[in-house]
Amino acid sequence: MPRIGDIALVCKSKNAGPFELTIDAVFGDRETFEKVKATGVLGPELFAKLYKVKAEDVLFTVYDAGFAFKATLPRLIPAGDIGDTDVYGAQQHAPLLAVEIPM
């Protein structure tokens, strides 16, 4: 099965303020995007599992026109607080890269 890291054109994360993180997965063409969308793998439950938050705390959006998925979720440690290892949130997309998509 292909992984998100293999089929996404862009997969990135960044701060959405000091207490939230946003993660984007963008696909390069409608066909791939629609196949991924049809699997139902990408959703609040997946992000909750990957990032150890509650599914109801994940704001998940599908952007059909941009062939993209976006998840905004609470950071477990606020940006810049003691114990934070990624103040910009720029490396937090890594767990998503290994997610397999049954296509």
PDB file of N, CA and C in Angstrom:
ATOM      1  N   MET A   1       0.843  -1.193   0.000  1.00  0.00           N
ATOM      2  CA  MET A   1       0.000   0.000   0.000  1.00  0.00           C
ATOM      3  C   MET A   1       0.877   1.241   0.000  1.00  0.00           C
ATOM      4  N   PRO A   2       0.493   2.238  -0.779  1.00  0.00           N
ATOM      5  CA  PRO A   2       1.272   3.480  -0.764  1.00  0.00           C
ATOM      6  C   PRO A   2       1.062   4.242   0.543  1.00  0.00           C
ATOM      7  N   ARG A   3       2.062   4.995   0.909  1.00  0.00           N
ATOM      8  CA  ARG A   3       1.997   5.827   2.110  1.00  0.00           C
ATOM      9  C   ARG A   3       1.750   7.276   1.704  1.00  0.00           C
ATOM     10  N   ILE A   4       1.188   8.040   2.629  1.00  0.00           N
ATOM     11  CA  ILE A   4       0.945   9.463   2.380  1.00  0.00           C
ATOM     12  C   ILE A   4       2.226  10.141   1.898  1.00  0.00           C
ATOM     13  N   GLY A   5       3.345   9.833   2.518  1.00  0.00           N
ATOM     14  CA  GLY A   5       4.618  10.439   2.144  1.00  0.00           C
ATOM     15  C   GLY A   5       5.027  10.151   0.714  1.00  0.00           C
ATOM     16  N   ASP A   6       4.506   9.055   0.139  1.00  0.00           N
ATOM     17  CA  ASP A   6       4.843   8.679  -1.232  1.00  0.00           C
ATOM     18  C   ASP A   6       3.903   9.303  -2.262  1.00  0.00           C
ATOM     19  N   ILE A   7       2.672   9.584  -1.872  1.00  0.00           N
ATOM     20  CA  ILE A   7       1.694  10.028  -2.867  1.00  0.00           C
ATOM     21  C   ILE A   7       1.248  11.477  -2.717  1.00  0.00           C
ATOM     22  N   ALA A   8       1.535  12.107  -1.588  1.00  0.00           N
ATOM     23  CA  ALA A   8       1.150  13.511  -1.408  1.00  0.00           C
ATOM     24  C   ALA A   8       2.178  14.403  -2.095  1.00  0.00           C
ATOM     25  N   LEU A   9       1.708  15.456  -2.737  1.00  0.00           N
ATOM     26  CA  LEU A   9       2.592  16.449  -3.326  1.00  0.00           C
ATOM     27  C   LEU A   9       3.273  17.247  -2.224  1.00  0.00           C
ATOM     28  N   VAL A  10       2.485  17.612  -1.199  1.00  0.00           N
ATOM     29  CA  VAL A  10       2.980  18.378  -0.055  1.00  0.00           C
ATOM     30  C   VAL A  10       2.353  17.810   1.206  1.00  0.00           C
ATOM     31  N   CYS A  11       3.157  17.662   2.227  1.00  0.00           N
ATOM     32  CA  CYS A  11       2.665  17.302   3.553  1.00  0.00           C
ATOM     33  C   CYS A  11       3.466  18.153   4.521  1.00  0.00           C
ATOM     34  N   LYS A  12       2.777  19.035   5.279  1.00  0.00           N
ATOM     35  CA  LYS A  12       3.496  19.975   6.137  1.00  0.00           C
ATOM     36  C   LYS A  12       2.702  20.275   7.389  1.00  0.00           C
ATOM     37  N   SER A  13       3.414  20.817   8.367  1.00  0.00           N
ATOM     38  CA  SER A  13       2.771  21.234   9.607  1.00  0.00           C
ATOM     39  C   SER A  13       3.333  22.587  10.017  1.00  0.00           C
ATOM     40  N   LYS A  14       2.547  23.290  10.830  1.00  0.00           N
ATOM     41  CA  LYS A  14       2.993  24.582  11.362  1.00  0.00           C
ATOM     42  C   LYS A  14       2.089  24.966  12.517  1.00  0.00           C
ATOM     43  N   ASN A  15       2.554  25.938  13.289  1.00  0.00           N
ATOM     44  CA  ASN A  15       1.740  26.452  14.378  1.00  0.00           C
ATOM     45  C   ASN A  15       0.481  27.119  13.826  1.00  0.00           C
ATOM     46  N   ALA A  16      -0.576  26.984  14.582  1.00  0.00           N
ATOM     47  CA  ALA A  16      -1.805  27.743  14.328  1.00  0.00           C
ATOM     48  C   ALA A  16      -2.058  28.523  15.619  1.00  0.00           C
ATOM     49  N   GLY A  17      -1.041  29.278  16.020  1.00  0.00           N
ATOM     50  CA  GLY A  17      -1.031  29.928  17.322  1.00  0.00           C
ATOM     51  C   GLY A  17      -0.208  29.076  18.266  1.00  0.00           C
ATOM     52  N   PRO A  18       0.027  29.528  19.487  1.00  0.00           N
ATOM     53  CA  PRO A  18       0.888  28.791  20.401  1.00  0.00           C
ATOM     54  C   PRO A  18       0.273  27.513  20.967  1.00  0.00           C
ATOM     55  N   PHE A  19      -1.035  27.359  20.822  1.00  0.00           N
ATOM     56  CA  PHE A  19      -1.712  26.220  21.439  1.00  0.00           C
ATOM     57  C   PHE A  19      -2.282  25.219  20.443  1.00  0.00           C
ATOM     58  N   GLU A  20      -2.161  25.517  19.155  1.00  0.00           N
ATOM     59  CA  GLU A  20      -2.688  24.612  18.135  1.00  0.00           C
ATOM     60  C   GLU A  20      -1.667  24.385  17.039  1.00  0.00           C
ATOM     61  N   LEU A  21      -1.862  23.288  16.338  1.00  0.00           N
ATOM     62  CA  LEU A  21      -0.997  22.870  15.255  1.00  0.00           C
ATOM     63  C   LEU A  21      -1.887  22.567  14.059  1.00  0.00           C
ATOM     64  N   THR A  22      -1.445  22.917  12.870  1.00  0.00           N
ATOM     65  CA  THR A  22      -2.200  22.561  11.672  1.00  0.00           C
ATOM     66  C   THR A  22      -1.335  21.684  10.778  1.00  0.00           C
ATOM     67  N   ILE A  23      -1.952  20.678  10.207  1.00  0.00           N
ATOM     68  CA  ILE A  23      -1.251  19.723   9.346  1.00  0.00           C
ATOM     69  C   ILE A  23      -2.004  19.650   8.031  1.00  0.00           C
ATOM     70  N   ASP A  24      -1.267  19.805   6.921  1.00  0.00           N
ATOM     71  CA  ASP A  24      -1.862  19.786   5.586  1.00  0.00           C
ATOM     72  C   ASP A  24      -1.291  18.640   4.775  1.00  0.00           C
ATOM     73  N   ALA A  25      -2.163  17.987   4.015  1.00  0.00           N
ATOM     74  CA  ALA A  25      -1.741  17.011   3.018  1.00  0.00           C
ATOM     75  C   ALA A  25      -2.394  17.438   1.705  1.00  0.00           C
ATOM     76  N   VAL A  26      -1.559  17.724   0.714  1.00  0.00           N
ATOM     77  CA  VAL A  26      -2.032  18.225  -0.577  1.00  0.00           C
ATOM     78  C   VAL A  26      -1.600  17.241  -1.655  1.00  0.00           C
ATOM     79  N   PHE A  27      -2.514  16.938  -2.557  1.00  0.00           N
ATOM     80  CA  PHE A  27      -2.239  15.979  -3.624  1.00  0.00           C
ATOM     81  C   PHE A  27      -2.141  16.704  -4.962  1.00  0.00           C
ATOM     82  N   GLY A  28      -1.347  16.154  -5.870  1.00  0.00           N
ATOM     83  CA  GLY A  28      -1.027  16.835  -7.112  1.00  0.00           C
ATOM     84  C   GLY A  28      -2.056  16.728  -8.209  1.00  0.00           C
ATOM     85  N   ASP A  29      -3.033  15.832  -8.033  1.00  0.00           N
ATOM     86  CA  ASP A  29      -4.051  15.685  -9.085  1.00  0.00           C
ATOM     87  C   ASP A  29      -5.357  15.193  -8.466  1.00  0.00           C
ATOM     88  N   ARG A  30      -6.445  15.461  -9.163  1.00  0.00           N
ATOM     89  CA  ARG A  30      -7.773  15.102  -8.671  1.00  0.00           C
ATOM     90  C   ARG A  30      -7.925  13.587  -8.490  1.00  0.00           C
ATOM     91  N   GLU A  31      -7.384  12.807  -9.403  1.00  0.00           N
ATOM     92  CA  GLU A  31      -7.554  11.357  -9.331  1.00  0.00           C
ATOM     93  C   GLU A  31      -6.984  10.792  -8.027  1.00  0.00           C
ATOM     94  N   THR A  32      -5.764  11.163  -7.691  1.00  0.00           N
ATOM     95  CA  THR A  32      -5.152  10.670  -6.452  1.00  0.00           C
ATOM     96  C   THR A  32      -5.921  11.178  -5.242  1.00  0.00           C
ATOM     97  N   PHE A  33      -6.256  12.473  -5.242  1.00  0.00           N
ATOM     98  CA  PHE A  33      -7.012  13.065  -4.144  1.00  0.00           C
ATOM     99  C   PHE A  33      -8.326  12.319  -3.924  1.00  0.00           C
ATOM    100  N   GLU A  34      -9.062  12.072  -4.987  1.00  0.00           N
ATOM    101  CA  GLU A  34     -10.356  11.390  -4.869  1.00  0.00           C
ATOM    102  C   GLU A  34     -10.200   9.952  -4.366  1.00  0.00           C
ATOM    103  N   LYS A  35      -9.140   9.281  -4.787  1.00  0.00           N
ATOM    104  CA  LYS A  35      -8.897   7.917  -4.301  1.00  0.00           C
ATOM    105  C   LYS A  35      -8.620   7.928  -2.795  1.00  0.00           C
ATOM    106  N   VAL A  36      -7.791   8.869  -2.363  1.00  0.00           N
ATOM    107  CA  VAL A  36      -7.485   8.977  -0.935  1.00  0.00           C
ATOM    108  C   VAL A  36      -8.744   9.334  -0.157  1.00  0.00           C
ATOM    109  N   LYS A  37      -9.498  10.287  -0.662  1.00  0.00           N
ATOM    110  CA  LYS A  37     -10.736  10.719  -0.007  1.00  0.00           C
ATOM    111  C   LYS A  37     -11.719   9.553   0.128  1.00  0.00           C
ATOM    112  N   ALA A  38     -11.828   8.744  -0.909  1.00  0.00           N
ATOM    113  CA  ALA A  38     -12.776   7.618  -0.913  1.00  0.00           C
ATOM    114  C   ALA A  38     -12.432   6.552   0.126  1.00  0.00           C
ATOM    115  N   THR A  39     -11.174   6.457   0.519  1.00  0.00           N
ATOM    116  CA  THR A  39     -10.799   5.434   1.513  1.00  0.00           C
ATOM    117  C   THR A  39     -11.318   5.779   2.897  1.00  0.00           C
ATOM    118  N   GLY A  40     -11.483   7.075   3.174  1.00  0.00           N
ATOM    119  CA  GLY A  40     -11.927   7.492   4.503  1.00  0.00           C
ATOM    120  C   GLY A  40     -10.843   7.386   5.574  1.00  0.00           C
ATOM    121  N   VAL A  41      -9.622   7.088   5.169  1.00  0.00           N
ATOM    122  CA  VAL A  41      -8.532   6.940   6.139  1.00  0.00           C
ATOM    123  C   VAL A  41      -8.215   8.273   6.810  1.00  0.00           C
ATOM    124  N   LEU A  42      -8.134   9.338   6.015  1.00  0.00           N
ATOM    125  CA  LEU A  42      -7.827  10.650   6.584  1.00  0.00           C
ATOM    126  C   LEU A  42      -9.084  11.239   7.204  1.00  0.00           C
ATOM    127  N   GLY A  43      -9.012  11.486   8.498  1.00  0.00           N
ATOM    128  CA  GLY A  43     -10.145  12.043   9.221  1.00  0.00           C
ATOM    129  C   GLY A  43      -9.740  12.344  10.652  1.00  0.00           C
ATOM    130  N   PRO A  44     -10.644  12.905  11.431  1.00  0.00           N
ATOM    131  CA  PRO A  44     -10.325  13.279  12.817  1.00  0.00           C
ATOM    132  C   PRO A  44      -9.815  12.121  13.668  1.00  0.00           C
ATOM    133  N   GLU A  45     -10.361  10.938  13.442  1.00  0.00           N
ATOM    134  CA  GLU A  45      -9.954   9.782  14.254  1.00  0.00           C
ATOM    135  C   GLU A  45      -8.488   9.430  14.030  1.00  0.00           C
ATOM    136  N   LEU A  46      -8.035   9.499  12.774  1.00  0.00           N
ATOM    137  CA  LEU A  46      -6.636   9.206  12.479  1.00  0.00           C
ATOM    138  C   LEU A  46      -5.719  10.213  13.172  1.00  0.00           C
ATOM    139  N   PHE A  47      -6.037  11.493  13.063  1.00  0.00           N
ATOM    140  CA  PHE A  47      -5.194  12.514  13.673  1.00  0.00           C
ATOM    141  C   PHE A  47      -5.218  12.407  15.200  1.00  0.00           C
ATOM    142  N   ALA A  48      -6.358  12.057  15.758  1.00  0.00           N
ATOM    143  CA  ALA A  48      -6.444  11.861  17.209  1.00  0.00           C
ATOM    144  C   ALA A  48      -5.522  10.730  17.647  1.00  0.00           C
ATOM    145  N   LYS A  49      -5.525   9.656  16.891  1.00  0.00           N
ATOM    146  CA  LYS A  49      -4.672   8.512  17.222  1.00  0.00           C
ATOM    147  C   LYS A  49      -3.193   8.864  17.059  1.00  0.00           C
ATOM    148  N   LEU A  50      -2.828   9.503  15.946  1.00  0.00           N
ATOM    149  CA  LEU A  50      -1.431   9.827  15.681  1.00  0.00           C
ATOM    150  C   LEU A  50      -0.855  10.831  16.673  1.00  0.00           C
ATOM    151  N   TYR A  51      -1.698  11.780  17.112  1.00  0.00           N
ATOM    152  CA  TYR A  51      -1.194  12.890  17.925  1.00  0.00           C
ATOM    153  C   TYR A  51      -1.707  12.871  19.366  1.00  0.00           C
ATOM    154  N   LYS A  52      -2.345  11.769  19.741  1.00  0.00           N
ATOM    155  CA  LYS A  52      -2.771  11.548  21.128  1.00  0.00           C
ATOM    156  C   LYS A  52      -3.642  12.676  21.687  1.00  0.00           C
ATOM    157  N   VAL A  53      -4.639  13.047  20.880  1.00  0.00           N
ATOM    158  CA  VAL A  53      -5.642  14.024  21.299  1.00  0.00           C
ATOM    159  C   VAL A  53      -7.016  13.399  21.082  1.00  0.00           C
ATOM    160  N   LYS A  54      -8.051  14.054  21.550  1.00  0.00           N
ATOM    161  CA  LYS A  54      -9.412  13.557  21.350  1.00  0.00           C
ATOM    162  C   LYS A  54      -9.888  13.906  19.938  1.00  0.00           C
ATOM    163  N   ALA A  55     -10.601  12.978  19.315  1.00  0.00           N
ATOM    164  CA  ALA A  55     -11.111  13.210  17.961  1.00  0.00           C
ATOM    165  C   ALA A  55     -11.999  14.450  17.899  1.00  0.00           C
ATOM    166  N   GLU A  56     -12.745  14.708  18.958  1.00  0.00           N
ATOM    167  CA  GLU A  56     -13.638  15.876  18.951  1.00  0.00           C
ATOM    168  C   GLU A  56     -12.854  17.195  19.046  1.00  0.00           C
ATOM    169  N   ASP A  57     -11.560  17.116  19.367  1.00  0.00           N
ATOM    170  CA  ASP A  57     -10.722  18.315  19.416  1.00  0.00           C
ATOM    171  C   ASP A  57     -10.004  18.592  18.091  1.00  0.00           C
ATOM    172  N   VAL A  58     -10.209  17.721  17.113  1.00  0.00           N
ATOM    173  CA  VAL A  58      -9.570  17.881  15.807  1.00  0.00           C
ATOM    174  C   VAL A  58     -10.552  18.555  14.848  1.00  0.00           C
ATOM    175  N   LEU A  59     -10.158  19.703  14.323  1.00  0.00           N
ATOM    176  CA  LEU A  59     -10.937  20.376  13.283  1.00  0.00           C
ATOM    177  C   LEU A  59     -10.398  19.866  11.956  1.00  0.00           C
ATOM    178  N   PHE A  60     -11.186  19.062  11.260  1.00  0.00           N
ATOM    179  CA  PHE A  60     -10.742  18.422  10.020  1.00  0.00           C
ATOM    180  C   PHE A  60     -11.518  18.999   8.854  1.00  0.00           C
ATOM    181  N   THR A  61     -10.798  19.413   7.819  1.00  0.00           N
ATOM    182  CA  THR A  61     -11.429  20.036   6.662  1.00  0.00           C
ATOM    183  C   THR A  61     -10.904  19.397   5.383  1.00  0.00           C
ATOM    184  N   VAL A  62     -11.811  19.120   4.464  1.00  0.00           N
ATOM    185  CA  VAL A  62     -11.456  18.631   3.134  1.00  0.00           C
ATOM    186  C   VAL A  62     -11.637  19.794   2.166  1.00  0.00           C
ATOM    187  N   TYR A  63     -10.574  20.116   1.416  1.00  0.00           N
ATOM    188  CA  TYR A  63     -10.614  21.187   0.417  1.00  0.00           C
ATOM    189  C   TYR A  63     -10.598  20.557  -0.970  1.00  0.00           C
ATOM    190  N   ASP A  64     -11.777  20.288  -1.500  1.00  0.00           N
ATOM    191  CA  ASP A  64     -11.880  19.633  -2.808  1.00  0.00           C
ATOM    192  C   ASP A  64     -11.175  20.434  -3.905  1.00  0.00           C
ATOM    193  N   ALA A  65     -11.361  21.736  -3.932  1.00  0.00           N
ATOM    194  CA  ALA A  65     -10.791  22.559  -4.996  1.00  0.00           C
ATOM    195  C   ALA A  65      -9.262  22.569  -4.963  1.00  0.00           C
ATOM    196  N   GLY A  66      -8.676  22.365  -3.793  1.00  0.00           N
ATOM    197  CA  GLY A  66      -7.221  22.374  -3.661  1.00  0.00           C
ATOM    198  C   GLY A  66      -6.611  20.995  -3.549  1.00  0.00           C
ATOM    199  N   PHE A  67      -7.437  19.948  -3.693  1.00  0.00           N
ATOM    200  CA  PHE A  67      -6.988  18.556  -3.553  1.00  0.00           C
ATOM    201  C   PHE A  67      -6.264  18.359  -2.224  1.00  0.00           C
ATOM    202  N   ALA A  68      -6.842  18.909  -1.150  1.00  0.00           N
ATOM    203  CA  ALA A  68      -6.139  18.939   0.127  1.00  0.00           C
ATOM    204  C   ALA A  68      -7.010  18.552   1.315  1.00  0.00           C
ATOM    205  N   PHE A  69      -6.326  18.119   2.367  1.00  0.00           N
ATOM    206  CA  PHE A  69      -6.925  17.832   3.664  1.00  0.00           C
ATOM    207  C   PHE A  69      -6.176  18.663   4.693  1.00  0.00           C
ATOM    208  N   LYS A  70      -6.897  19.196   5.672  1.00  0.00           N
ATOM    209  CA  LYS A  70      -6.280  19.998   6.725  1.00  0.00           C
ATOM    210  C   LYS A  70      -6.835  19.559   8.068  1.00  0.00           C
ATOM    211  N   ALA A  71      -5.940  19.388   9.023  1.00  0.00           N
ATOM    212  CA  ALA A  71      -6.347  19.065  10.390  1.00  0.00           C
ATOM    213  C   ALA A  71      -5.711  20.092  11.324  1.00  0.00           C
ATOM    214  N   THR A  72      -6.523  20.681  12.183  1.00  0.00           N
ATOM    215  CA  THR A  72      -6.026  21.576  13.222  1.00  0.00           C
ATOM    216  C   THR A  72      -6.338  20.921  14.552  1.00  0.00           C
ATOM    217  N   LEU A  73      -5.311  20.818  15.386  1.00  0.00           N
ATOM    218  CA  LEU A  73      -5.467  20.104  16.644  1.00  0.00           C
ATOM    219  C   LEU A  73      -4.684  20.799  17.746  1.00  0.00           C
ATOM    220  N   PRO A  74      -5.054  20.524  18.997  1.00  0.00           N
ATOM    221  CA  PRO A  74      -4.327  21.161  20.106  1.00  0.00           C
ATOM    222  C   PRO A  74      -2.918  20.592  20.233  1.00  0.00           C
ATOM    223  N   ARG A  75      -1.989  21.469  20.554  1.00  0.00           N
ATOM    224  CA  ARG A  75      -0.625  21.026  20.861  1.00  0.00           C
ATOM    225  C   ARG A  75      -0.638  20.452  22.275  1.00  0.00           C
ATOM    226  N   LEU A  76       0.097  19.368  22.507  1.00  0.00           N
ATOM    227  CA  LEU A  76       0.179  18.787  23.843  1.00  0.00           C
ATOM    228  C   LEU A  76       1.007  19.667  24.768  1.00  0.00           C
ATOM    229  N   ILE A  77       1.981  20.369  24.199  1.00  0.00           N
ATOM    230  CA  ILE A  77       2.801  21.325  24.943  1.00  0.00           C
ATOM    231  C   ILE A  77       2.763  22.639  24.159  1.00  0.00           C
ATOM    232  N   PRO A  78       2.388  23.741  24.783  1.00  0.00           N
ATOM    233  CA  PRO A  78       2.351  25.012  24.059  1.00  0.00           C
ATOM    234  C   PRO A  78       3.704  25.356  23.426  1.00  0.00           C
ATOM    235  N   ALA A  79       3.672  26.031  22.295  1.00  0.00           N
ATOM    236  CA  ALA A  79       4.901  26.409  21.594  1.00  0.00           C
ATOM    237  C   ALA A  79       5.799  27.231  22.509  1.00  0.00           C
ATOM    238  N   GLY A  80       7.043  26.809  22.633  1.00  0.00           N
ATOM    239  CA  GLY A  80       8.027  27.523  23.422  1.00  0.00           C
ATOM    240  C   GLY A  80       8.020  27.203  24.901  1.00  0.00           C
ATOM    241  N   ASP A  81       7.063  26.387  25.351  1.00  0.00           N
ATOM    242  CA  ASP A  81       7.008  26.028  26.769  1.00  0.00           C
ATOM    243  C   ASP A  81       8.078  24.982  27.080  1.00  0.00           C
ATOM    244  N   ILE A  82       8.348  24.781  28.342  1.00  0.00           N
ATOM    245  CA  ILE A  82       9.318  23.765  28.759  1.00  0.00           C
ATOM    246  C   ILE A  82       8.858  22.405  28.232  1.00  0.00           C
ATOM    247  N   GLY A  83       9.764  21.713  27.582  1.00  0.00           N
ATOM    248  CA  GLY A  83       9.454  20.404  27.017  1.00  0.00           C
ATOM    249  C   GLY A  83       9.087  20.444  25.550  1.00  0.00           C
ATOM    250  N   ASP A  84       8.851  21.632  24.990  1.00  0.00           N
ATOM    251  CA  ASP A  84       8.530  21.747  23.573  1.00  0.00           C
ATOM    252  C   ASP A  84       9.794  21.487  22.759  1.00  0.00           C
ATOM    253  N   THR A  85       9.700  20.594  21.791  1.00  0.00           N
ATOM    254  CA  THR A  85      10.861  20.247  20.969  1.00  0.00           C
ATOM    255  C   THR A  85      10.776  20.804  19.551  1.00  0.00           C
ATOM    256  N   ASP A  86       9.692  21.499  19.225  1.00  0.00           N
ATOM    257  CA  ASP A  86       9.503  22.028  17.869  1.00  0.00           C
ATOM    258  C   ASP A  86       8.677  23.307  17.965  1.00  0.00           C
ATOM    259  N   VAL A  87       9.320  24.395  18.346  1.00  0.00           N
ATOM    260  CA  VAL A  87       8.615  25.639  18.642  1.00  0.00           C
ATOM    261  C   VAL A  87       7.765  26.126  17.470  1.00  0.00           C
ATOM    262  N   TYR A  88       8.184  25.857  16.233  1.00  0.00           N
ATOM    263  CA  TYR A  88       7.428  26.309  15.058  1.00  0.00           C
ATOM    264  C   TYR A  88       6.398  25.290  14.585  1.00  0.00           C
ATOM    265  N   GLY A  89       6.446  24.092  15.124  1.00  0.00           N
ATOM    266  CA  GLY A  89       5.518  23.052  14.692  1.00  0.00           C
ATOM    267  C   GLY A  89       5.825  22.527  13.301  1.00  0.00           C
ATOM    268  N   ALA A  90       7.019  22.800  12.796  1.00  0.00           N
ATOM    269  CA  ALA A  90       7.356  22.498  11.408  1.00  0.00           C
ATOM    270  C   ALA A  90       7.704  21.032  11.138  1.00  0.00           C
ATOM    271  N   GLN A  91       7.895  20.238  12.170  1.00  0.00           N
ATOM    272  CA  GLN A  91       8.260  18.836  11.966  1.00  0.00           C
ATOM    273  C   GLN A  91       7.171  17.870  12.438  1.00  0.00           C
ATOM    274  N   GLN A  92       6.022  18.384  12.772  1.00  0.00           N
ATOM    275  CA  GLN A  92       4.982  17.548  13.372  1.00  0.00           C
ATOM    276  C   GLN A  92       4.184  16.716  12.372  1.00  0.00           C
ATOM    277  N   HIS A  93       4.386  16.938  11.101  1.00  0.00           N
ATOM    278  CA  HIS A  93       3.681  16.156  10.086  1.00  0.00           C
ATOM    279  C   HIS A  93       4.285  14.765   9.900  1.00  0.00           C
ATOM    280  N   ALA A  94       5.472  14.515  10.447  1.00  0.00           N
ATOM    281  CA  ALA A  94       6.186  13.264  10.210  1.00  0.00           C
ATOM    282  C   ALA A  94       5.357  11.996  10.455  1.00  0.00           C
ATOM    283  N   PRO A  95       4.583  11.866  11.538  1.00  0.00           N
ATOM    284  CA  PRO A  95       3.798  10.648  11.723  1.00  0.00           C
ATOM    285  C   PRO A  95       2.806  10.381  10.591  1.00  0.00           C
ATOM    286  N   LEU A  96       2.310  11.443   9.974  1.00  0.00           N
ATOM    287  CA  LEU A  96       1.337  11.280   8.880  1.00  0.00           C
ATOM    288  C   LEU A  96       1.977  10.659   7.648  1.00  0.00           C
ATOM    289  N   LEU A  97       3.248  10.897   7.429  1.00  0.00           N
ATOM    290  CA  LEU A  97       3.929  10.400   6.227  1.00  0.00           C
ATOM    291  C   LEU A  97       3.892   8.879   6.090  1.00  0.00           C
ATOM    292  N   ALA A  98       3.880   8.169   7.213  1.00  0.00           N
ATOM    293  CA  ALA A  98       3.908   6.709   7.195  1.00  0.00           C
ATOM    294  C   ALA A  98       2.537   6.047   7.112  1.00  0.00           C
ATOM    295  N   VAL A  99       1.469   6.841   7.119  1.00  0.00           N
ATOM    296  CA  VAL A  99       0.109   6.276   7.073  1.00  0.00           C
ATOM    297  C   VAL A  99      -0.125   5.641   5.698  1.00  0.00           C
ATOM    298  N   GLU A 100      -0.541   4.390   5.718  1.00  0.00           N
ATOM    299  CA  GLU A 100      -0.807   3.664   4.471  1.00  0.00           C
ATOM    300  C   GLU A 100      -2.228   3.914   3.993  1.00  0.00           C
ATOM    301  N   ILE A 101      -2.343   4.045   2.684  1.00  0.00           N
ATOM    302  CA  ILE A 101      -3.641   4.283   2.046  1.00  0.00           C
ATOM    303  C   ILE A 101      -3.977   3.106   1.150  1.00  0.00           C
ATOM    304  N   PRO A 102      -5.057   2.388   1.420  1.00  0.00           N
ATOM    305  CA  PRO A 102      -5.436   1.231   0.585  1.00  0.00           C
ATOM    306  C   PRO A 102      -6.064   1.692  -0.737  1.00  0.00           C
ATOM    307  N   MET A 103      -5.257   1.805  -1.759  1.00  0.00           N
ATOM    308  CA  MET A 103      -5.739   2.282  -3.073  1.00  0.00           C
ATOM    309  C   MET A 103      -5.773   1.167  -4.087  1.00  0.00           C
TER     310      MET A 103
END
